[in-house]
Amino acid sequence: MVPLLLAFRKKTTRAIVGIEIQPELARLARRNVEDSGFGDRVDIREMDLRQVSTHFEPASFDLVLSNPPYRKTGSGGINPNPQKAIARHELFATLPDVFAAAWRLLPRGGRIALIYPAARIGHLFHSAHDSGFSPKRLRVVHSHPGGPGKLVHLECRKGGGEEVRIEPPLYVYREDGAYSDAMRELYGE
């Protein structure tokens, strides 16, 4: 859960808000936050991200993090598990919906960071640009060294310039199958 990981890694007094549309997952996230002792800093809201303008003041966040649904409706088989289907397929929100929500939440210069399938990077860049965001940092995520990039981590700025920094690749696992040093650092090990 991204809000919990952020609270653990960043020693900040700023509030962290997580948005989850699925009631059961929102309840689970709230329980994990409380059990981890971060209830004073992390607020999990059960809501549709397309409704952020009715719940939050415009430009009231510095950073938006998202792992948006990444499969178009009608592409491939939809998982029979409703929770996984909603998380993976654009059933309730599309990538442009995520950017539109971020546009409302962020001031000029605010950042959005997303994880998205590498195979859909063209759609990711196109959606960012169409929504008024400029890609600023790109990192390709590989399962193993020597393997193909499966995901990308893209950070954009609202109203930013055109330069994009290409970061070194991120390898999730080492050759021996253990987490890479970068992943262990990410998880605070």
Protein backbone atom coordinates (compact mmCIF):
# COMPACT_ATOMS: atom_id res chain seq x y z
CA MET A 1 0.00 0.00 0.00
CA VAL A 2 1.61 3.20 -1.24
CA PRO A 3 0.38 5.64 1.46
CA LEU A 4 1.67 3.38 4.22
CA LEU A 5 5.04 2.92 2.52
CA LEU A 6 5.28 6.68 2.03
CA ALA A 7 4.48 7.33 5.70
CA PHE A 8 7.12 4.81 6.76
CA ARG A 9 9.83 6.14 4.44
CA LYS A 10 9.21 9.88 4.72
CA LYS A 11 9.43 11.49 8.09
CA THR A 12 6.95 14.27 7.44
CA THR A 13 4.25 16.00 9.41
CA ARG A 14 2.17 16.48 6.26
CA ALA A 15 -0.97 14.44 5.89
CA ILE A 16 -1.03 11.56 3.43
CA VAL A 17 -4.38 10.76 1.84
CA GLY A 18 -5.12 7.49 0.08
CA ILE A 19 -8.13 7.10 -2.21
CA GLU A 20 -9.67 3.67 -2.79
CA ILE A 21 -12.94 3.03 -4.63
CA GLN A 22 -13.40 -0.53 -3.40
CA PRO A 23 -15.01 -0.65 0.09
CA GLU A 24 -13.33 -3.87 1.22
CA LEU A 25 -9.87 -2.67 0.14
CA ALA A 26 -10.44 0.73 1.78
CA ARG A 27 -11.34 -1.01 5.07
CA LEU A 28 -8.25 -3.22 4.82
CA ALA A 29 -6.05 -0.21 4.08
CA ARG A 30 -7.44 1.71 7.08
CA ARG A 31 -6.81 -1.29 9.33
CA ASN A 32 -3.22 -1.60 8.06
CA VAL A 33 -2.65 2.11 8.70
CA GLU A 34 -3.95 1.83 12.27
CA ASP A 35 -2.06 -1.40 12.97
CA SER A 36 1.16 0.24 11.74
CA GLY A 37 0.74 3.27 13.98
CA PHE A 38 0.31 5.84 11.21
CA GLY A 39 -3.34 6.71 11.83
CA ASP A 40 -2.34 10.26 12.78
CA ARG A 41 -0.73 10.90 9.37
CA VAL A 42 -2.49 8.64 6.84
CA ASP A 43 -6.15 9.09 5.95
CA ILE A 44 -7.73 6.46 3.67
CA ARG A 45 -10.84 7.68 1.87
CA GLU A 46 -13.31 5.35 0.21
CA MET A 47 -14.24 7.33 -2.88
CA ASP A 48 -14.13 7.56 -6.64
CA LEU A 49 -11.10 9.54 -7.78
CA ARG A 50 -13.28 11.18 -10.42
CA GLN A 51 -15.06 12.97 -7.56
CA VAL A 52 -12.01 14.62 -5.94
CA SER A 53 -13.26 18.12 -6.75
CA THR A 54 -16.20 17.61 -4.39
CA HIS A 55 -13.97 16.41 -1.52
CA PHE A 56 -10.77 18.46 -1.71
CA GLU A 57 -9.85 22.07 -2.33
CA PRO A 58 -8.20 22.75 -5.70
CA ALA A 59 -4.38 22.71 -5.67
CA SER A 60 -4.30 21.37 -2.10
CA PHE A 61 -1.73 18.59 -2.67
CA ASP A 62 1.96 18.65 -3.61
CA LEU A 63 2.22 15.14 -4.98
CA VAL A 64 -0.17 12.56 -6.42
CA LEU A 65 0.92 8.92 -6.63
CA SER A 66 -1.01 6.40 -8.70
CA ASN A 67 -0.94 2.86 -9.92
CA PRO A 68 -3.85 3.34 -12.33
CA PRO A 69 -5.83 0.59 -14.02
CA TYR A 70 -3.78 -0.30 -17.06
CA ARG A 71 -5.86 -2.51 -19.32
CA LYS A 72 -8.46 -1.10 -21.67
CA THR A 73 -11.92 -2.49 -21.19
CA GLY A 74 -12.39 -5.18 -23.82
CA SER A 75 -8.68 -6.01 -24.09
CA GLY A 76 -7.78 -9.47 -22.84
CA GLY A 77 -9.73 -11.47 -20.34
CA ILE A 78 -11.12 -9.73 -17.30
CA ASN A 79 -10.15 -11.36 -14.02
CA PRO A 80 -13.13 -13.17 -12.44
CA ASN A 81 -12.13 -11.70 -9.07
CA PRO A 82 -13.98 -8.32 -9.03
CA GLN A 83 -11.30 -6.63 -6.88
CA LYS A 84 -8.54 -7.57 -9.30
CA ALA A 85 -10.68 -6.73 -12.33
CA ILE A 86 -11.36 -3.21 -11.00
CA ALA A 87 -7.70 -2.68 -10.11
CA ARG A 88 -6.36 -3.86 -13.47
CA HIS A 89 -8.98 -2.84 -16.03
CA GLU A 90 -10.37 0.59 -16.83
CA LEU A 91 -13.80 -0.35 -15.44
CA PHE A 92 -14.26 2.68 -13.14
CA ALA A 93 -11.42 4.99 -14.14
CA THR A 94 -9.13 5.55 -17.10
CA LEU A 95 -5.65 7.01 -17.26
CA PRO A 96 -7.07 10.37 -18.42
CA ASP A 97 -9.36 10.28 -15.35
CA VAL A 98 -6.28 9.90 -13.12
CA PHE A 99 -4.57 12.87 -14.79
CA ALA A 100 -7.78 14.95 -14.56
CA ALA A 101 -8.01 14.25 -10.80
CA ALA A 102 -4.34 15.16 -10.36
CA TRP A 103 -4.87 18.38 -12.34
CA ARG A 104 -7.52 19.46 -9.83
CA LEU A 105 -5.48 18.45 -6.78
CA LEU A 106 -2.10 19.92 -7.75
CA PRO A 107 -0.88 23.52 -8.04
CA ARG A 108 1.21 24.58 -11.04
CA GLY A 109 4.53 22.76 -10.66
CA GLY A 110 2.92 19.96 -8.60
CA ARG A 111 4.00 16.40 -9.35
CA ILE A 112 2.25 13.18 -10.28
CA ALA A 113 4.12 9.88 -10.27
CA LEU A 114 2.70 6.73 -11.85
CA ILE A 115 3.58 3.10 -12.45
CA TYR A 116 2.32 1.85 -15.80
CA PRO A 117 3.02 -1.02 -18.21
CA ALA A 118 5.98 -0.31 -20.48
CA ALA A 119 3.99 -1.63 -23.45
CA ARG A 120 1.56 1.30 -23.06
CA ILE A 121 4.15 4.06 -22.66
CA GLY A 122 2.84 5.88 -25.74
CA HIS A 123 -0.62 6.11 -24.17
CA LEU A 124 0.94 7.27 -20.90
CA PHE A 125 2.91 10.12 -22.53
CA HIS A 126 -0.04 11.10 -24.73
CA SER A 127 -2.44 11.21 -21.75
CA ALA A 128 0.02 13.22 -19.66
CA HIS A 129 0.53 15.78 -22.43
CA ASP A 130 -3.20 16.07 -23.21
CA SER A 131 -3.88 16.70 -19.51
CA GLY A 132 -1.34 19.53 -19.18
CA PHE A 133 1.43 17.52 -17.54
CA SER A 134 5.03 17.36 -18.71
CA PRO A 135 7.00 14.14 -18.23
CA LYS A 136 10.10 14.93 -16.17
CA ARG A 137 11.60 11.62 -14.99
CA LEU A 138 11.30 8.16 -16.52
CA ARG A 139 12.58 4.90 -15.08
CA VAL A 140 12.06 1.48 -16.64
CA VAL A 141 11.37 -1.35 -14.19
CA HIS A 142 12.75 -4.79 -15.01
CA SER A 143 12.04 -7.99 -13.10
CA HIS A 144 15.62 -9.24 -13.55
CA PRO A 145 18.86 -7.87 -15.02
CA GLY A 146 18.93 -8.71 -18.72
CA GLY A 147 15.15 -9.10 -18.87
CA PRO A 148 12.79 -6.77 -20.71
CA GLY A 149 11.32 -3.73 -19.04
CA LYS A 150 7.78 -4.57 -17.93
CA LEU A 151 6.78 -1.36 -16.16
CA VAL A 152 7.72 2.31 -16.20
CA HIS A 153 7.78 4.81 -13.38
CA LEU A 154 6.95 8.25 -14.78
CA GLU A 155 6.99 11.50 -12.85
CA CYS A 156 5.32 14.52 -14.44
CA ARG A 157 4.91 18.17 -13.46
CA LYS A 158 1.81 20.22 -13.96
CA GLY A 159 2.78 22.85 -16.50
CA GLY A 160 6.46 21.81 -16.62
CA GLY A 161 8.97 22.21 -19.44
CA GLU A 162 9.91 19.65 -22.07
CA GLU A 163 13.11 18.11 -20.69
CA VAL A 164 12.84 14.50 -19.47
CA ARG A 165 15.50 12.80 -17.34
CA ILE A 166 15.94 9.09 -18.07
CA GLU A 167 16.88 7.35 -14.82
CA PRO A 168 18.95 4.15 -14.57
CA PRO A 169 16.82 0.99 -14.79
CA LEU A 170 15.29 -0.47 -11.66
CA TYR A 171 15.73 -4.21 -11.21
CA VAL A 172 13.27 -5.81 -8.81
CA TYR A 173 15.28 -9.01 -8.33
CA ARG A 174 18.95 -9.98 -8.45
CA GLU A 175 20.15 -12.93 -10.51
CA ASP A 176 19.80 -15.18 -7.44
CA GLY A 177 16.10 -14.29 -7.08
CA ALA A 178 16.46 -12.11 -3.97
CA TYR A 179 15.27 -8.50 -3.97
CA SER A 180 17.76 -6.09 -5.53
CA ASP A 181 19.54 -3.56 -3.33
CA ALA A 182 17.34 -0.82 -4.82
CA MET A 183 14.16 -2.69 -3.87
CA ARG A 184 15.44 -3.43 -0.38
CA GLU A 185 16.22 0.28 0.04
CA LEU A 186 12.75 1.17 -1.23
CA TYR A 187 11.19 -1.06 1.43
CA GLY A 188 13.46 0.36 4.13
CA GLU A 189 15.51 -2.79 4.71
